[in-house]
C-alpha atoms as a PDB file:
ATOM      1  CA  MET A   1     114.138   3.289 326.018  1.00  0.00           C
ATOM      2  CA  LYS A   2     110.684   4.581 326.819  1.00  0.00           C
ATOM      3  CA  VAL A   3     107.761   2.159 326.360  1.00  0.00           C
ATOM      4  CA  LEU A   4     103.973   2.506 326.539  1.00  0.00           C
ATOM      5  CA  LEU A   5     102.251  -0.571 327.940  1.00  0.00           C
ATOM      6  CA  ILE A   6      98.526  -0.842 327.040  1.00  0.00           C
ATOM      7  CA  VAL A   7      96.792  -3.586 329.111  1.00  0.00           C
ATOM      8  CA  ASP A   8      93.832  -5.405 327.368  1.00  0.00           C
ATOM      9  CA  PRO A   9      92.207  -2.700 325.288  1.00  0.00           C
ATOM     10  CA  GLN A  10      89.700  -5.195 323.915  1.00  0.00           C
ATOM     11  CA  ASN A  11      86.122  -4.791 322.762  1.00  0.00           C
ATOM     12  CA  ASP A  12      84.601  -7.111 325.504  1.00  0.00           C
ATOM     13  CA  PHE A  13      86.192  -4.980 328.228  1.00  0.00           C
ATOM     14  CA  ILE A  14      84.864  -1.754 326.585  1.00  0.00           C
ATOM     15  CA  THR A  15      81.360  -2.430 325.235  1.00  0.00           C
ATOM     16  CA  GLY A  16      81.014  -6.204 325.452  1.00  0.00           C
ATOM     17  CA  SER A  17      80.272  -8.992 327.814  1.00  0.00           C
ATOM     18  CA  LEU A  18      82.555  -7.769 330.632  1.00  0.00           C
ATOM     19  CA  ALA A  19      82.517  -3.966 330.013  1.00  0.00           C
ATOM     20  CA  VAL A  20      84.480  -2.074 332.580  1.00  0.00           C
ATOM     21  CA  PRO A  21      82.805   1.237 333.781  1.00  0.00           C
ATOM     22  CA  GLY A  22      84.439   4.187 332.061  1.00  0.00           C
ATOM     23  CA  ALA A  23      86.430   1.945 329.731  1.00  0.00           C
ATOM     24  CA  LYS A  24      85.275   3.610 326.527  1.00  0.00           C
ATOM     25  CA  LYS A  25      86.096   7.012 327.867  1.00  0.00           C
ATOM     26  CA  ALA A  26      89.507   5.813 329.023  1.00  0.00           C
ATOM     27  CA  MET A  27      90.323   4.180 325.689  1.00  0.00           C
ATOM     28  CA  ASP A  28      89.051   7.118 323.683  1.00  0.00           C
ATOM     29  CA  TYR A  29      91.197   9.357 325.843  1.00  0.00           C
ATOM     30  CA  LEU A  30      94.219   7.092 325.110  1.00  0.00           C
ATOM     31  CA  THR A  31      93.511   7.004 321.461  1.00  0.00           C
ATOM     32  CA  GLU A  32      93.525  10.866 321.234  1.00  0.00           C
ATOM     33  CA  TRP A  33      96.510  11.075 323.601  1.00  0.00           C
ATOM     34  CA  LEU A  34      98.535   8.782 321.384  1.00  0.00           C
ATOM     35  CA  ARG A  35      97.819  10.911 318.320  1.00  0.00           C
ATOM     36  CA  GLU A  36      99.879  13.582 319.847  1.00  0.00           C
ATOM     37  CA  HIS A  37     102.396  11.684 322.073  1.00  0.00           C
ATOM     38  CA  HIS A  38     103.218   8.599 320.142  1.00  0.00           C
ATOM     39  CA  PRO A  39     106.588  10.070 318.913  1.00  0.00           C
ATOM     40  CA  GLU A  40     107.747  10.211 322.612  1.00  0.00           C
ATOM     41  CA  TYR A  41     107.936   6.399 322.797  1.00  0.00           C
ATOM     42  CA  ASP A  42     110.437   3.967 321.376  1.00  0.00           C
ATOM     43  CA  ALA A  43     108.038   0.983 321.554  1.00  0.00           C
ATOM     44  CA  PHE A  44     104.508  -0.019 322.413  1.00  0.00           C
ATOM     45  CA  VAL A  45     103.492  -3.262 324.178  1.00  0.00           C
ATOM     46  CA  VAL A  46      99.848  -4.360 324.149  1.00  0.00           C
ATOM     47  CA  THR A  47      98.572  -7.207 326.198  1.00  0.00           C
ATOM     48  CA  LEU A  48      95.505  -9.142 325.008  1.00  0.00           C
ATOM     49  CA  ASP A  49      93.270 -11.735 326.702  1.00  0.00           C
ATOM     50  CA  GLN A  50      92.978 -14.656 324.138  1.00  0.00           C
ATOM     51  CA  HIS A  51      90.862 -17.256 325.962  1.00  0.00           C
ATOM     52  CA  PRO A  52      89.805 -20.542 324.613  1.00  0.00           C
ATOM     53  CA  ALA A  53      85.991 -20.973 324.566  1.00  0.00           C
ATOM     54  CA  ASP A  54      86.068 -23.181 327.630  1.00  0.00           C
ATOM     55  CA  HIS A  55      88.410 -21.075 329.755  1.00  0.00           C
ATOM     56  CA  CYS A  56      88.482 -21.696 333.542  1.00  0.00           C
ATOM     57  CA  SER A  57      87.662 -18.019 334.456  1.00  0.00           C
ATOM     58  CA  PHE A  58      84.195 -18.249 332.770  1.00  0.00           C
ATOM     59  CA  GLN A  59      81.204 -18.652 335.080  1.00  0.00           C
ATOM     60  CA  VAL A  60      79.946 -21.563 333.027  1.00  0.00           C
ATOM     61  CA  GLN A  61      83.217 -23.347 333.762  1.00  0.00           C
ATOM     62  CA  GLY A  62      83.095 -22.474 337.494  1.00  0.00           C
ATOM     63  CA  GLY A  63      84.978 -19.224 337.298  1.00  0.00           C
ATOM     64  CA  GLN A  64      83.979 -15.712 338.336  1.00  0.00           C
ATOM     65  CA  TRP A  65      83.592 -13.888 335.012  1.00  0.00           C
ATOM     66  CA  PRO A  66      81.098 -13.945 332.079  1.00  0.00           C
ATOM     67  CA  ILE A  67      82.480 -15.317 328.821  1.00  0.00           C
ATOM     68  CA  HIS A  68      84.847 -12.702 327.395  1.00  0.00           C
ATOM     69  CA  CYS A  69      87.750 -12.213 324.987  1.00  0.00           C
ATOM     70  CA  VAL A  70      87.401 -15.711 323.325  1.00  0.00           C
ATOM     71  CA  ARG A  71      90.223 -15.943 320.809  1.00  0.00           C
ATOM     72  CA  TYR A  72      89.259 -15.065 317.184  1.00  0.00           C
ATOM     73  CA  THR A  73      86.016 -13.288 318.205  1.00  0.00           C
ATOM     74  CA  VAL A  74      85.020  -9.725 317.851  1.00  0.00           C
ATOM     75  CA  GLY A  75      85.076  -9.431 321.667  1.00  0.00           C
ATOM     76  CA  ALA A  76      88.790 -10.300 321.774  1.00  0.00           C
ATOM     77  CA  ALA A  77      89.685  -7.859 319.137  1.00  0.00           C
ATOM     78  CA  LEU A  78      91.619  -4.671 319.804  1.00  0.00           C
ATOM     79  CA  TYR A  79      89.353  -1.535 320.294  1.00  0.00           C
ATOM     80  CA  PRO A  80      89.091  -0.298 316.666  1.00  0.00           C
ATOM     81  CA  PRO A  81      89.985   3.391 317.225  1.00  0.00           C
ATOM     82  CA  LEU A  82      93.100   2.328 319.237  1.00  0.00           C
ATOM     83  CA  ALA A  83      93.879  -0.430 316.696  1.00  0.00           C
ATOM     84  CA  GLU A  84      93.958   2.245 313.920  1.00  0.00           C
ATOM     85  CA  ILE A  85      96.398   4.483 315.682  1.00  0.00           C
ATOM     86  CA  LEU A  86      98.635   1.624 316.733  1.00  0.00           C
ATOM     87  CA  MET A  87      98.716   0.203 313.156  1.00  0.00           C
ATOM     88  CA  ASN A  88      99.467   3.664 311.701  1.00  0.00           C
ATOM     89  CA  THR A  89     102.241   4.017 314.290  1.00  0.00           C
ATOM     90  CA  LYS A  90     103.583   0.565 313.313  1.00  0.00           C
ATOM     91  CA  ARG A  91     103.475   1.478 309.610  1.00  0.00           C
ATOM     92  CA  SER A  92     105.582   4.589 310.408  1.00  0.00           C
ATOM     93  CA  GLY A  93     108.311   2.299 311.703  1.00  0.00           C
ATOM     94  CA  ALA A  94     107.582   2.134 315.476  1.00  0.00           C
ATOM     95  CA  SER A  95     107.887  -1.101 317.416  1.00  0.00           C
ATOM     96  CA  VAL A  96     104.417  -2.427 318.301  1.00  0.00           C
ATOM     97  CA  PHE A  97     104.491  -5.751 320.198  1.00  0.00           C
ATOM     98  CA  PHE A  98     101.412  -7.817 321.084  1.00  0.00           C
ATOM     99  CA  VAL A  99     101.486 -10.222 324.075  1.00  0.00           C
ATOM    100  CA  PRO A 100      98.632 -12.730 324.306  1.00  0.00           C
ATOM    101  CA  LYS A 101      97.679 -14.064 327.677  1.00  0.00           C
ATOM    102  CA  ALA A 102      95.395 -16.525 329.425  1.00  0.00           C
ATOM    103  CA  MET A 103      95.359 -18.972 326.477  1.00  0.00           C
ATOM    104  CA  SER A 104      95.369 -22.171 328.512  1.00  0.00           C
ATOM    105  CA  ARG A 105      91.855 -23.334 329.374  1.00  0.00           C
ATOM    106  CA  HIS A 106      93.161 -24.445 332.843  1.00  0.00           C
ATOM    107  CA  ARG A 107      95.023 -21.269 333.931  1.00  0.00           C
ATOM    108  CA  ASP A 108      93.916 -17.746 334.295  1.00  0.00           C
ATOM    109  CA  ALA A 109      96.362 -14.841 333.871  1.00  0.00           C
ATOM    110  CA  TYR A 110      95.605 -11.282 334.840  1.00  0.00           C
ATOM    111  CA  SER A 111      99.131 -10.351 333.922  1.00  0.00           C
ATOM    112  CA  ALA A 112     101.028 -11.342 330.756  1.00  0.00           C
ATOM    113  CA  PHE A 113     104.309 -11.013 332.729  1.00  0.00           C
ATOM    114  CA  GLU A 114     103.905 -13.494 335.600  1.00  0.00           C
ATOM    115  CA  ASP A 115     106.495 -15.867 334.341  1.00  0.00           C
ATOM    116  CA  ALA A 116     108.627 -13.826 331.875  1.00  0.00           C
ATOM    117  CA  VAL A 117     108.999 -10.424 330.450  1.00  0.00           C
ATOM    118  CA  PRO A 118     109.438  -9.856 326.690  1.00  0.00           C
ATOM    119  CA  GLU A 119     112.904  -8.819 325.661  1.00  0.00           C
ATOM    120  CA  LEU A 120     111.676  -5.488 324.429  1.00  0.00           C
ATOM    121  CA  LEU A 121     110.587  -4.557 327.965  1.00  0.00           C
ATOM    122  CA  LEU A 122     113.864  -5.784 329.415  1.00  0.00           C
ATOM    123  CA  GLY A 123     115.540  -2.748 327.682  1.00  0.00           C
ATOM    124  CA  ALA A 124     113.068  -0.216 328.966  1.00  0.00           C
ATOM    125  CA  THR A 125     114.296   2.627 331.208  1.00  0.00           C
ATOM    126  CA  HIS A 126     110.669   3.901 331.660  1.00  0.00           C
ATOM    127  CA  ILE A 127     107.333   2.308 331.166  1.00  0.00           C
ATOM    128  CA  ASP A 128     104.041   4.310 330.984  1.00  0.00           C
ATOM    129  CA  VAL A 129     101.024   2.060 331.733  1.00  0.00           C
ATOM    130  CA  ALA A 130      97.367   2.411 330.502  1.00  0.00           C
ATOM    131  CA  GLY A 131      94.573  -0.081 330.101  1.00  0.00           C
ATOM    132  CA  LEU A 132      91.746  -2.166 331.609  1.00  0.00           C
ATOM    133  CA  ALA A 133      90.903  -2.886 334.390  1.00  0.00           C
ATOM    134  CA  GLY A 134      93.020  -0.927 336.882  1.00  0.00           C
ATOM    135  CA  ASP A 135      92.130  -3.173 339.840  1.00  0.00           C
ATOM    136  CA  TYR A 136      92.826  -6.459 338.036  1.00  0.00           C
ATOM    137  CA  CYS A 137      94.955  -6.777 334.904  1.00  0.00           C
ATOM    138  CA  VAL A 138      96.699  -3.409 335.054  1.00  0.00           C
ATOM    139  CA  LYS A 139      97.480  -3.879 338.741  1.00  0.00           C
ATOM    140  CA  ALA A 140      98.778  -7.433 338.208  1.00  0.00           C
ATOM    141  CA  SER A 141     100.863  -6.400 335.199  1.00  0.00           C
ATOM    142  CA  ILE A 142     102.463  -3.564 337.153  1.00  0.00           C
ATOM    143  CA  ASN A 143     103.205  -5.880 340.119  1.00  0.00           C
ATOM    144  CA  ASP A 144     104.782  -8.414 337.872  1.00  0.00           C
ATOM    145  CA  LEU A 145     106.855  -5.881 336.058  1.00  0.00           C
ATOM    146  CA  ARG A 146     108.077  -4.345 339.294  1.00  0.00           C
ATOM    147  CA  ARG A 147     109.094  -7.813 340.410  1.00  0.00           C
ATOM    148  CA  HIS A 148     111.037  -8.562 337.117  1.00  0.00           C
ATOM    149  CA  LEU A 149     112.296  -5.054 336.462  1.00  0.00           C
ATOM    150  CA  PRO A 150     112.858  -3.381 339.856  1.00  0.00           C
ATOM    151  CA  GLU A 151     115.208  -0.689 338.362  1.00  0.00           C
ATOM    152  CA  THR A 152     112.799   0.401 335.633  1.00  0.00           C
ATOM    153  CA  SER A 153     110.822   3.499 336.380  1.00  0.00           C
ATOM    154  CA  MET A 154     107.068   3.337 335.734  1.00  0.00           C
ATOM    155  CA  SER A 155     104.170   5.723 335.733  1.00  0.00           C
ATOM    156  CA  THR A 156     100.527   5.460 334.947  1.00  0.00           C
ATOM    157  CA  LEU A 157      98.323   7.491 332.537  1.00  0.00           C
ATOM    158  CA  ASP A 158      95.521   7.649 334.985  1.00  0.00           C
ATOM    159  CA  GLU A 159      92.916   9.063 332.518  1.00  0.00           C
ATOM    160  CA  ALA A 160      93.566   6.026 330.347  1.00  0.00           C
ATOM    161  CA  ILE A 161      92.844   3.476 332.924  1.00  0.00           C
ATOM    162  CA  ALA A 162      89.231   2.275 333.945  1.00  0.00           C
ATOM    163  CA  TRP A 163      88.344   0.366 337.022  1.00  0.00           C
ATOM    164  CA  ILE A 164      85.733  -2.264 337.972  1.00  0.00           C
ATOM    165  CA  GLY A 165      85.854  -1.144 341.562  1.00  0.00           C
ATOM    166  CA  GLU A 166      87.312   1.780 343.383  1.00  0.00           C
ATOM    167  CA  ARG A 167      90.409   3.640 342.042  1.00  0.00           C
ATOM    168  CA  GLU A 168      93.499   3.031 344.167  1.00  0.00           C
ATOM    169  CA  PRO A 169      97.210   3.841 343.793  1.00  0.00           C
ATOM    170  CA  LEU A 170      98.984   1.513 341.407  1.00  0.00           C
ATOM    171  CA  LEU A 171     102.586   2.666 342.039  1.00  0.00           C
END
Protein backbone atom coordinates (compact mmCIF):
# COMPACT_ATOMS: atom_id res chain seq x y z
CA MET A 1 0.00 0.00 0.00
CA LYS A 2 1.36 3.42 -1.00
CA VAL A 3 0.67 6.34 1.37
CA LEU A 4 1.25 10.07 1.15
CA LEU A 5 2.08 11.66 4.51
CA ILE A 6 1.56 15.42 4.70
CA VAL A 7 3.02 16.99 7.83
CA ASP A 8 1.33 20.07 9.34
CA PRO A 9 -0.03 21.89 6.24
CA GLN A 10 -1.67 24.53 8.43
CA ASN A 11 -2.35 28.21 7.94
CA ASP A 12 -0.10 29.43 10.77
CA PHE A 13 2.87 27.65 9.20
CA ILE A 14 2.11 29.08 5.74
CA THR A 15 0.99 32.69 6.20
CA GLY A 16 0.37 33.00 9.93
CA SER A 17 2.20 33.51 13.19
CA LEU A 18 4.92 30.92 12.52
CA ALA A 19 5.18 31.13 8.73
CA VAL A 20 7.94 28.91 7.34
CA PRO A 21 9.95 30.49 4.51
CA GLY A 22 8.77 29.03 1.22
CA ALA A 23 5.79 27.25 2.80
CA LYS A 24 3.16 28.75 0.51
CA LYS A 25 5.17 27.80 -2.57
CA ALA A 26 5.70 24.26 -1.22
CA MET A 27 2.02 23.74 -0.33
CA ASP A 28 0.85 25.22 -3.65
CA TYR A 29 3.23 22.83 -5.41
CA LEU A 30 1.82 19.93 -3.38
CA THR A 31 -1.75 20.94 -4.15
CA GLU A 32 -1.09 21.01 -7.89
CA TRP A 33 0.97 17.82 -7.71
CA LEU A 34 -1.92 16.03 -5.96
CA ARG A 35 -4.36 17.01 -8.69
CA GLU A 36 -2.39 14.79 -11.05
CA HIS A 37 -0.92 12.15 -8.75
CA HIS A 38 -3.61 11.39 -6.14
CA PRO A 39 -4.71 8.18 -7.94
CA GLU A 40 -1.22 6.74 -7.30
CA TYR A 41 -1.93 6.53 -3.55
CA ASP A 42 -4.00 4.12 -1.53
CA ALA A 43 -4.26 6.49 1.42
CA PHE A 44 -3.36 9.94 2.71
CA VAL A 45 -2.28 10.77 6.25
CA VAL A 46 -2.20 14.40 7.42
CA THR A 47 -0.72 15.48 10.75
CA LEU A 48 -1.98 18.64 12.42
CA ASP A 49 -0.74 20.66 15.37
CA GLN A 50 -3.77 21.16 17.62
CA HIS A 51 -2.41 23.14 20.57
CA PRO A 52 -4.36 24.31 23.59
CA ALA A 53 -4.22 28.10 24.06
CA ASP A 54 -1.64 27.75 26.85
CA HIS A 55 0.67 25.22 25.20
CA CYS A 56 4.17 24.79 26.65
CA SER A 57 5.90 25.54 23.31
CA PHE A 58 4.60 29.12 23.22
CA GLN A 59 7.01 31.91 24.18
CA VAL A 60 4.44 33.34 26.62
CA GLN A 61 4.51 29.96 28.41
CA GLY A 62 8.34 29.79 28.41
CA GLY A 63 8.68 27.91 25.10
CA GLN A 64 10.55 28.87 21.95
CA TRP A 65 7.73 29.53 19.47
CA PRO A 66 5.13 32.25 18.96
CA ILE A 67 1.53 31.23 19.59
CA HIS A 68 0.49 29.04 16.66
CA CYS A 69 -2.01 26.38 15.59
CA VAL A 70 -4.33 26.85 18.56
CA ARG A 71 -7.07 24.28 18.22
CA TYR A 72 -10.30 25.54 16.61
CA THR A 73 -8.68 28.70 15.21
CA VAL A 74 -8.11 29.73 11.61
CA GLY A 75 -4.35 29.34 12.17
CA ALA A 76 -4.78 25.65 13.02
CA ALA A 77 -6.93 24.97 9.96
CA LEU A 78 -5.70 23.04 6.97
CA TYR A 79 -4.38 25.24 4.13
CA PRO A 80 -7.59 25.85 2.08
CA PRO A 81 -6.35 24.90 -1.43
CA LEU A 82 -4.90 21.66 -0.07
CA ALA A 83 -8.01 21.01 2.03
CA GLU A 84 -10.14 21.27 -1.10
CA ILE A 85 -8.15 18.66 -3.03
CA LEU A 86 -8.00 16.33 -0.02
CA MET A 87 -11.76 16.57 0.58
CA ASN A 88 -12.47 15.95 -3.11
CA THR A 89 -10.14 12.95 -2.94
CA LYS A 90 -11.95 11.68 0.16
CA ARG A 91 -15.36 12.16 -1.47
CA SER A 92 -14.14 10.04 -4.39
CA GLY A 93 -13.58 7.16 -1.96
CA ALA A 94 -9.92 7.53 -0.97
CA SER A 95 -8.81 7.04 2.61
CA VAL A 96 -7.81 10.38 4.17
CA PHE A 97 -6.77 10.14 7.82
CA PHE A 98 -6.03 13.12 10.09
CA VAL A 99 -3.70 12.75 13.06
CA PRO A 100 -3.77 15.57 15.64
CA LYS A 101 -0.66 16.18 17.73
CA ALA A 102 0.69 18.34 20.57
CA MET A 103 -2.70 18.54 22.25
CA SER A 104 -1.47 18.39 25.85
CA ARG A 105 -0.49 21.77 27.27
CA HIS A 106 2.48 20.20 29.07
CA ARG A 107 4.05 18.23 26.22
CA ASP A 108 5.29 19.30 22.81
CA ALA A 109 5.29 16.93 19.85
CA TYR A 110 7.11 17.58 16.60
CA SER A 111 6.02 14.15 15.39
CA ALA A 112 2.61 12.54 15.67
CA PHE A 113 4.30 9.12 15.72
CA GLU A 114 6.58 9.28 18.75
CA ASP A 115 4.55 6.78 20.77
CA ALA A 116 2.53 4.91 18.16
CA VAL A 117 1.75 4.65 14.46
CA PRO A 118 -1.82 4.60 13.12
CA GLU A 119 -2.92 1.20 11.81
CA LEU A 120 -3.24 2.64 8.31
CA LEU A 121 0.52 3.36 8.24
CA LEU A 122 1.38 -0.07 9.64
CA GLY A 123 0.20 -1.57 6.34
CA ALA A 124 2.17 0.81 4.15
CA THR A 125 4.81 -0.60 1.83
CA HIS A 126 5.92 2.87 0.73
CA ILE A 127 5.41 6.33 2.25
CA ASP A 128 6.01 9.59 0.40
CA VAL A 129 6.49 12.55 2.76
CA ALA A 130 5.75 16.26 2.28
CA GLY A 131 5.06 19.13 4.65
CA LEU A 132 6.27 21.72 7.10
CA ALA A 133 8.87 22.31 8.39
CA GLY A 134 11.58 20.05 7.03
CA ASP A 135 14.00 20.66 9.88
CA TYR A 136 11.45 20.13 12.66
CA CYS A 137 8.17 18.26 12.25
CA VAL A 138 8.92 16.55 8.93
CA LYS A 139 12.31 15.36 10.19
CA ALA A 140 10.90 14.14 13.53
CA SER A 141 8.02 12.36 11.78
CA ILE A 142 10.38 10.55 9.40
CA ASN A 143 12.69 9.56 12.26
CA ASP A 144 9.81 8.13 14.30
CA LEU A 145 8.36 6.28 11.31
CA ARG A 146 11.77 4.77 10.53
CA ARG A 147 12.01 3.61 14.15
CA HIS A 148 8.52 2.05 14.13
CA LEU A 149 8.50 0.85 10.49
CA PRO A 150 12.09 -0.06 9.60
CA GLU A 151 11.05 -2.21 6.62
CA THR A 152 8.82 0.42 4.98
CA SER A 153 10.41 2.34 2.13
CA MET A 154 10.14 6.11 2.25
CA SER A 155 10.88 9.03 -0.02
CA THR A 156 10.39 12.78 0.19
CA LEU A 157 8.66 15.15 -2.19
CA ASP A 158 11.38 17.77 -1.83
CA GLU A 159 9.53 20.54 -3.68
CA ALA A 160 6.65 20.08 -1.21
CA ILE A 161 8.80 20.59 1.91
CA ALA A 162 9.71 24.03 3.30
CA TRP A 163 12.42 24.68 5.87
CA ILE A 164 12.96 27.14 8.71
CA GLY A 165 16.72 26.71 8.44
CA GLU A 166 18.99 25.10 5.88
CA ARG A 167 17.86 22.13 3.77
CA GLU A 168 19.43 18.85 4.74
CA PRO A 169 18.95 15.22 3.72
CA LEU A 170 15.94 13.67 5.47
CA LEU A 171 16.48 10.07 4.37
